[in-house]
Amino acid sequence: MNHNFQKDISGCGLVGIVNKDGKRISGSFICKSLCLMNDRGNGLGAGYAAYGIYPEFKDFYAFHIMYDELGAKADTEEYLKKNYRIEKKEPIPTAPVEGIAIHPLLWRYFVKPLPEKAEREAAGLPDDDFVVRTVMKINSEIDGAYVFSSGKNMGAFKGVGMPMEIARFFKLEEYEGYIWTGHTRFPTNTPGWWGGAHPFTLLDWSIVHNGEISSYGINKRYLEMYGYKLTLLTDTEVVAYLFDLMVRKHGLDTAAACTALAAPFWKNIDALPEDEKAAMTALRMVYGSALMNGPFSILFGHSKGLVGFNDRIKLRPLVAATKGKTVYMASEESSIREICPSPEKVWAPRAGEPVIVELETGKGQ
């Protein structure tokens, strides 16, 4: 009997590197590691996120924006000029790469919100909230424009292609960062397009993901109650916004946010000591609509560290390793050993238990 399976249920590869001492390294390292997992992708999406790459503009939000046509660029820049001080704008540097013949217009802007603008004053918004509103507005209201990175001293670089093609196209070897994440995509339920490649970002949060968020519908509706607009045709978008909501807006620590997203089963909660049981029950009840179902492994980057975690029954692989002050996480151990042949420690995190790495005090951004 011939079988024609339409999904590769173990597809997608991810990798992350964090130097706890804030030491910056070239993007060539993350590319070398990710390219070992080419068989986890199919050329329909790859990308990278890096922290510490814009030290000369570290106090400005770095907007990376894709445009389908010049009209979208003109509309976006008109909005930015009215609401932001634009310190610098320029095309994102790229190089010709065989295999990437067609791509959007790619620009970057280093900006600060203008405090005196009426739109911001009327809402009483802090800078971060105003930037989130801007990203939502551009992505949902300006046809043909997409903000794919909006944090300080960090940036995302992604598109349709294999990992090496995307790295060469964006000239990643010319950037240095203290945290890097990378992703090669094997689309299953959502289209392969430039905006749909990973990472997904908001402010300094960045997400790369292997798997499927089967709870996307309820997660999406929950986020929309708080003003988030999901427009990118992929389930992974909810993860970045959930972290922003729970950590930045609601003040949860990273461990609590991960627990809410990959919460233990009720039977396991019932077996906990009474004080832990009460706390976990409250977390599950308050954030029931944020619980993510389905198979996943996720790397979550931010300006002060890197987090890796997977679903509560570990349906997707995740391996971690350490060497000195560097921590590595990836879908496969071989990908780590490609750039760190002799790690001091290697382990597979347990289901639903996050690996949380924080920078040393005063390091990084």
Protein backbone atom coordinates (compact mmCIF):
# COMPACT_ATOMS: atom_id res chain seq x y z
CA MET A 1 0.00 0.00 0.00
CA ASN A 2 1.29 3.47 -0.89
CA HIS A 3 0.99 6.22 1.69
CA ASN A 4 1.08 9.93 0.88
CA PHE A 5 1.53 11.73 4.17
CA GLN A 6 1.06 15.49 3.95
CA LYS A 7 2.77 16.36 7.22
CA ASP A 8 6.20 15.81 8.70
CA ILE A 9 5.22 15.70 12.36
CA SER A 10 8.76 16.14 13.64
CA GLY A 11 9.71 18.93 11.23
CA CYS A 12 11.26 22.31 12.05
CA GLY A 13 14.59 22.81 13.76
CA LEU A 14 15.60 25.41 16.31
CA VAL A 15 18.79 26.45 18.03
CA GLY A 16 19.77 29.09 20.59
CA ILE A 17 23.00 30.41 22.09
CA VAL A 18 23.32 32.72 25.09
CA ASN A 19 26.54 34.06 26.60
CA LYS A 20 25.75 34.87 30.22
CA ASP A 21 28.75 37.21 30.43
CA GLY A 22 27.39 39.34 27.58
CA LYS A 23 30.18 38.39 25.18
CA ARG A 24 29.12 39.01 21.59
CA ILE A 25 29.75 36.45 18.85
CA SER A 26 29.31 36.43 15.10
CA GLY A 27 26.13 35.23 13.44
CA SER A 28 28.22 32.70 11.54
CA PHE A 29 28.13 30.41 14.60
CA ILE A 30 24.35 30.14 14.80
CA CYS A 31 24.21 29.60 11.05
CA LYS A 32 26.70 26.73 11.22
CA SER A 33 24.69 25.07 13.98
CA LEU A 34 21.32 25.51 12.29
CA CYS A 35 22.51 24.28 8.90
CA LEU A 36 23.22 20.87 10.40
CA MET A 37 19.44 20.46 10.66
CA ASN A 38 18.56 21.25 7.05
CA ASP A 39 16.52 18.07 6.87
CA ARG A 40 14.11 19.62 9.40
CA GLY A 41 13.22 22.37 6.93
CA ASN A 42 12.15 22.49 3.32
CA GLY A 43 13.23 25.96 2.21
CA LEU A 44 9.88 27.62 2.92
CA GLY A 45 11.14 29.59 5.91
CA ALA A 46 14.23 30.26 8.00
CA GLY A 47 15.31 33.04 10.29
CA TYR A 48 17.40 34.37 13.13
CA ALA A 49 17.09 36.76 16.08
CA ALA A 50 20.07 38.49 17.66
CA TYR A 51 20.59 40.66 20.75
CA GLY A 52 23.31 43.28 21.14
CA ILE A 53 23.71 43.97 17.43
CA TYR A 54 22.96 47.71 17.50
CA PRO A 55 25.03 49.12 20.39
CA GLU A 56 25.31 52.54 18.74
CA PHE A 57 21.49 52.78 18.71
CA LYS A 58 20.77 50.88 21.92
CA ASP A 59 18.34 53.54 23.22
CA PHE A 60 16.19 53.43 20.07
CA TYR A 61 13.57 50.94 18.99
CA ALA A 62 14.82 49.16 15.86
CA PHE A 63 11.92 48.58 13.48
CA HIS A 64 12.59 45.99 10.78
CA ILE A 65 9.82 46.31 8.22
CA MET A 66 8.86 44.35 5.09
CA TYR A 67 7.00 46.11 2.28
CA ASP A 68 5.21 44.53 -0.67
CA GLU A 69 5.29 47.78 -2.62
CA LEU A 70 6.33 51.44 -2.40
CA GLY A 71 2.85 52.68 -1.52
CA ALA A 72 2.91 50.68 1.71
CA LYS A 73 6.32 52.13 2.53
CA ALA A 74 5.07 55.68 1.97
CA ASP A 75 2.01 55.14 4.20
CA THR A 76 4.10 53.58 6.97
CA GLU A 77 6.74 56.29 6.92
CA GLU A 78 4.06 58.98 7.04
CA TYR A 79 2.69 57.42 10.24
CA LEU A 80 6.17 57.03 11.75
CA LYS A 81 7.10 60.65 11.00
CA LYS A 82 3.99 61.89 12.80
CA ASN A 83 4.59 59.83 15.93
CA TYR A 84 8.31 59.09 16.23
CA ARG A 85 11.67 60.75 16.15
CA ILE A 86 13.45 58.86 13.38
CA GLU A 87 17.16 58.85 14.20
CA LYS A 88 18.10 56.84 11.11
CA LYS A 89 16.40 54.91 8.33
CA GLU A 90 17.99 52.72 5.67
CA PRO A 91 17.50 49.55 3.65
CA ILE A 92 18.47 46.45 5.62
CA PRO A 93 21.80 45.39 4.08
CA THR A 94 21.46 42.31 1.88
CA ALA A 95 23.58 40.37 -0.57
CA PRO A 96 22.56 38.60 -3.79
CA VAL A 97 21.97 34.91 -3.11
CA GLU A 98 21.14 32.21 -5.60
CA GLY A 99 17.77 30.81 -4.62
CA ILE A 100 16.37 34.12 -3.36
CA ALA A 101 15.26 35.86 -6.52
CA ILE A 102 12.14 37.59 -5.17
CA HIS A 103 11.80 39.24 -1.78
CA PRO A 104 9.96 42.17 -0.15
CA LEU A 105 11.44 45.61 0.29
CA LEU A 106 13.35 45.44 3.59
CA TRP A 107 13.97 48.60 5.65
CA ARG A 108 15.00 49.40 9.19
CA TYR A 109 14.28 52.46 11.31
CA PHE A 110 15.82 53.53 14.62
CA VAL A 111 13.11 55.48 16.40
CA LYS A 112 11.80 56.96 19.65
CA PRO A 113 8.14 57.84 20.31
CA LEU A 114 7.40 61.56 20.35
CA PRO A 115 5.89 62.29 23.79
CA GLU A 116 3.92 65.33 22.67
CA LYS A 117 1.87 63.59 19.98
CA ALA A 118 -1.88 63.67 20.62
CA GLU A 119 -2.49 60.02 19.73
CA ARG A 120 -0.12 58.91 22.45
CA GLU A 121 -1.08 61.52 25.07
CA ALA A 122 -4.78 60.74 24.77
CA ALA A 123 -4.16 57.09 25.59
CA GLY A 124 -1.58 57.84 28.30
CA LEU A 125 0.74 55.17 26.93
CA PRO A 126 4.31 54.41 28.06
CA ASP A 127 6.87 53.95 25.29
CA ASP A 128 6.62 50.15 25.14
CA ASP A 129 2.83 50.20 24.96
CA PHE A 130 2.87 52.81 22.24
CA VAL A 131 5.33 50.72 20.21
CA VAL A 132 3.08 47.66 20.60
CA ARG A 133 0.14 49.74 19.39
CA THR A 134 2.21 50.90 16.40
CA VAL A 135 3.16 47.34 15.45
CA MET A 136 -0.46 46.22 15.67
CA LYS A 137 -1.66 49.21 13.65
CA ILE A 138 0.86 48.82 10.83
CA ASN A 139 0.46 45.06 10.58
CA SER A 140 -3.33 45.15 10.55
CA GLU A 141 -4.17 48.45 8.84
CA ILE A 142 -1.46 49.21 6.28
CA ASP A 143 -1.83 46.71 3.48
CA GLY A 144 1.52 45.39 2.28
CA ALA A 145 3.53 46.45 5.35
CA TYR A 146 4.71 44.17 8.15
CA VAL A 147 6.85 45.08 11.18
CA PHE A 148 8.83 41.92 11.90
CA SER A 149 11.10 43.29 14.62
CA SER A 150 10.63 46.18 17.05
CA GLY A 151 12.98 45.80 20.04
CA LYS A 152 15.95 47.79 21.29
CA ASN A 153 19.47 46.67 20.38
CA MET A 154 18.13 43.54 18.73
CA GLY A 155 16.73 42.42 15.43
CA ALA A 156 15.11 39.58 13.52
CA PHE A 157 16.21 38.46 10.06
CA LYS A 158 13.98 36.01 8.26
CA GLY A 159 12.49 34.95 4.96
CA VAL A 160 11.69 32.16 2.53
CA GLY A 161 14.79 30.05 2.01
CA MET A 162 17.14 27.60 3.66
CA PRO A 163 19.14 28.69 6.75
CA MET A 164 22.37 29.31 4.82
CA GLU A 165 20.55 31.26 2.12
CA ILE A 166 18.85 33.53 4.66
CA ALA A 167 22.10 34.03 6.62
CA ARG A 168 24.02 34.99 3.47
CA PHE A 169 21.19 37.16 2.20
CA PHE A 170 21.13 39.24 5.40
CA LYS A 171 24.96 39.09 5.79
CA LEU A 172 24.67 37.75 9.33
CA GLU A 173 28.42 37.21 9.59
CA GLU A 174 28.71 41.00 9.89
CA TYR A 175 26.60 41.12 13.08
CA GLU A 176 27.67 40.27 16.63
CA GLY A 177 25.28 39.45 19.45
CA TYR A 178 25.30 37.95 22.96
CA ILE A 179 22.12 35.94 22.31
CA TRP A 180 21.25 34.24 19.03
CA THR A 181 18.33 32.05 18.04
CA GLY A 182 17.71 30.36 14.71
CA HIS A 183 14.94 28.39 13.04
CA THR A 184 14.43 26.30 9.93
CA ARG A 185 10.82 25.78 9.00
CA PHE A 186 8.79 22.86 7.68
CA PRO A 187 5.32 24.46 7.30
CA THR A 188 2.45 22.13 8.12
CA ASN A 189 -0.78 24.05 8.63
CA THR A 190 0.20 27.57 7.60
CA PRO A 191 1.68 29.08 4.43
CA GLY A 192 5.37 29.53 3.74
CA TRP A 193 5.86 33.28 3.20
CA TRP A 194 8.37 35.91 4.29
CA GLY A 195 6.29 37.20 7.18
CA GLY A 196 5.43 33.67 8.31
CA ALA A 197 9.04 32.59 8.82
CA HIS A 198 10.31 32.43 12.41
CA PRO A 199 11.29 34.20 14.67
CA PHE A 200 8.16 36.07 15.69
CA THR A 201 8.88 39.13 17.76
CA LEU A 202 7.33 41.96 19.72
CA LEU A 203 9.48 44.54 21.49
CA ASP A 204 12.49 42.53 22.68
CA TRP A 205 10.59 39.19 22.86
CA SER A 206 11.45 36.70 20.13
CA ILE A 207 10.04 33.21 19.60
CA VAL A 208 11.14 30.23 17.52
CA HIS A 209 8.92 27.18 17.62
CA ASN A 210 8.78 23.59 16.45
CA GLY A 211 5.34 22.01 16.52
CA GLU A 212 1.74 23.04 16.41
CA ILE A 213 -0.37 25.19 18.75
CA SER A 214 -3.72 23.40 18.52
CA SER A 215 -5.18 25.84 21.06
CA TYR A 216 -4.52 28.74 18.66
CA GLY A 217 -8.22 29.69 18.39
CA ILE A 218 -8.83 30.21 22.10
CA ASN A 219 -5.36 31.74 22.61
CA LYS A 220 -6.09 34.22 19.81
CA ARG A 221 -9.47 35.24 21.23
CA TYR A 222 -7.94 35.65 24.68
CA LEU A 223 -5.21 37.97 23.34
CA GLU A 224 -7.69 40.00 21.33
CA MET A 225 -9.43 40.95 24.58
CA TYR A 226 -6.23 42.81 25.50
CA GLY A 227 -5.88 44.59 22.14
CA TYR A 228 -3.46 42.27 20.36
CA LYS A 229 -4.15 41.79 16.65
CA LEU A 230 -3.07 38.50 15.10
CA THR A 231 -2.58 38.90 11.37
CA LEU A 232 0.37 36.75 10.37
CA LEU A 233 -1.33 33.49 9.32
CA THR A 234 0.50 31.27 11.79
CA ASP A 235 -0.13 29.73 15.18
CA THR A 236 3.29 30.74 16.54
CA GLU A 237 2.37 34.42 16.66
CA VAL A 238 0.31 33.83 19.81
CA VAL A 239 3.38 32.75 21.80
CA ALA A 240 5.20 36.08 21.48
CA TYR A 241 2.10 38.02 22.47
CA LEU A 242 1.27 35.73 25.41
CA PHE A 243 4.73 36.31 26.87
CA ASP A 244 4.36 40.05 26.39
CA LEU A 245 0.99 40.02 28.15
CA MET A 246 1.97 37.84 31.09
CA VAL A 247 5.52 39.03 31.74
CA ARG A 248 5.54 42.69 30.72
CA LYS A 249 1.91 43.64 31.32
CA HIS A 250 0.90 41.34 34.19
CA GLY A 251 4.28 41.14 35.94
CA LEU A 252 4.67 37.34 36.07
CA ASP A 253 8.18 36.00 36.25
CA THR A 254 9.41 33.84 33.40
CA ALA A 255 9.00 30.56 35.27
CA ALA A 256 5.38 31.32 36.13
CA ALA A 257 4.62 32.31 32.54
CA CYS A 258 6.09 29.06 31.23
CA THR A 259 4.08 27.10 33.80
CA ALA A 260 0.88 28.84 32.68
CA LEU A 261 1.60 28.11 29.02
CA ALA A 262 2.52 24.45 29.58
CA ALA A 263 0.54 23.81 32.76
CA PRO A 264 0.59 20.41 34.50
CA PHE A 265 -2.43 18.15 34.16
CA TRP A 266 -5.07 18.49 36.88
CA LYS A 267 -4.27 15.02 38.18
CA ASN A 268 -0.67 16.12 38.76
CA ILE A 269 -1.78 19.34 40.43
CA ASP A 270 -4.04 17.37 42.78
CA ALA A 271 -1.02 15.34 43.93
CA LEU A 272 0.95 18.44 45.00
CA PRO A 273 1.33 19.61 48.61
CA GLU A 274 -1.54 21.86 49.62
CA ASP A 275 0.27 25.21 49.30
CA GLU A 276 1.71 24.33 45.88
CA LYS A 277 -1.63 22.90 44.82
CA ALA A 278 -3.42 26.14 45.70
CA ALA A 279 -0.92 28.30 43.81
CA MET A 280 -0.94 26.07 40.74
CA THR A 281 -4.73 25.87 40.74
CA ALA A 282 -4.98 29.66 40.83
CA LEU A 283 -2.49 30.00 37.97
CA ARG A 284 -4.37 27.52 35.81
CA MET A 285 -7.73 29.14 36.52
CA VAL A 286 -6.56 32.69 35.84
CA TYR A 287 -4.65 31.79 32.68
CA GLY A 288 -6.74 28.89 31.42
CA SER A 289 -7.22 30.60 28.05
CA ALA A 290 -3.45 31.08 27.71
CA LEU A 291 -2.70 27.37 28.12
CA MET A 292 -1.10 26.08 24.91
CA ASN A 293 -2.14 22.64 23.73
CA GLY A 294 -0.44 20.58 21.07
CA PRO A 295 3.12 19.42 20.47
CA PHE A 296 5.77 22.12 20.76
CA SER A 297 9.29 23.03 21.70
CA ILE A 298 10.00 26.73 22.00
CA LEU A 299 12.94 29.06 22.48
CA PHE A 300 11.99 32.41 23.93
CA GLY A 301 14.62 35.15 23.74
CA HIS A 302 14.65 38.54 25.43
CA SER A 303 17.25 41.19 26.20
CA LYS A 304 18.22 39.60 29.54
CA GLY A 305 18.23 35.91 28.71
CA LEU A 306 16.97 32.85 26.90
CA VAL A 307 14.30 30.31 27.85
CA GLY A 308 13.66 26.88 26.35
CA PHE A 309 10.65 24.70 27.11
CA ASN A 310 8.39 22.13 25.51
CA ASP A 311 4.87 20.83 25.90
CA ARG A 312 3.73 19.00 29.00
CA ILE A 313 4.15 15.53 27.50
CA LYS A 314 7.28 16.36 25.44
CA LEU A 315 6.05 15.65 21.92
CA ARG A 316 8.87 17.69 20.41
CA PRO A 317 12.60 17.34 21.08
CA LEU A 318 14.72 19.84 23.00
CA VAL A 319 18.33 19.40 24.14
CA ALA A 320 20.41 21.79 26.26
CA ALA A 321 24.14 22.00 26.96
CA THR A 322 26.61 24.23 28.76
CA LYS A 323 30.25 25.20 28.23
CA GLY A 324 31.70 27.81 30.56
CA LYS A 325 29.35 30.78 30.55
CA THR A 326 27.63 29.75 27.34
CA VAL A 327 24.36 27.82 27.21
CA TYR A 328 23.13 26.07 24.06
CA MET A 329 19.66 24.76 23.23
CA ALA A 330 18.58 22.94 20.08
CA SER A 331 16.32 20.35 18.56
CA GLU A 332 19.29 17.97 18.23
CA GLU A 333 22.44 17.41 20.25
CA SER A 334 24.44 17.13 17.03
CA SER A 335 23.57 20.73 16.20
CA ILE A 336 25.10 21.86 19.50
CA ARG A 337 28.21 19.75 19.07
CA GLU A 338 28.72 21.22 15.62
CA ILE A 339 29.78 24.48 17.31
CA CYS A 340 30.66 23.14 20.79
CA PRO A 341 32.36 19.73 20.31
CA SER A 342 33.00 19.13 24.03
CA PRO A 343 30.21 20.56 26.21
CA GLU A 344 30.57 20.22 29.97
CA LYS A 345 26.95 19.13 30.43
CA VAL A 346 24.25 17.89 28.05
CA TRP A 347 20.66 17.08 29.03
CA ALA A 348 17.14 16.77 27.68
CA PRO A 349 14.77 19.00 29.69
CA ARG A 350 11.74 17.19 31.09
CA ALA A 351 8.28 17.81 29.71
CA GLY A 352 6.96 21.26 30.60
CA GLU A 353 10.03 22.17 32.67
CA PRO A 354 11.70 25.32 31.32
CA VAL A 355 15.42 25.93 31.03
CA ILE A 356 15.78 29.56 32.14
CA VAL A 357 19.09 31.31 31.49
CA GLU A 358 19.67 34.87 32.68
CA LEU A 359 22.56 37.18 31.95
CA GLU A 360 24.94 38.11 34.71
CA THR A 361 24.08 41.38 36.42
CA GLY A 362 25.02 44.38 34.34
CA LYS A 363 25.72 42.37 31.19
CA GLY A 364 23.97 42.63 27.88
CA GLN A 365 21.73 45.52 26.95
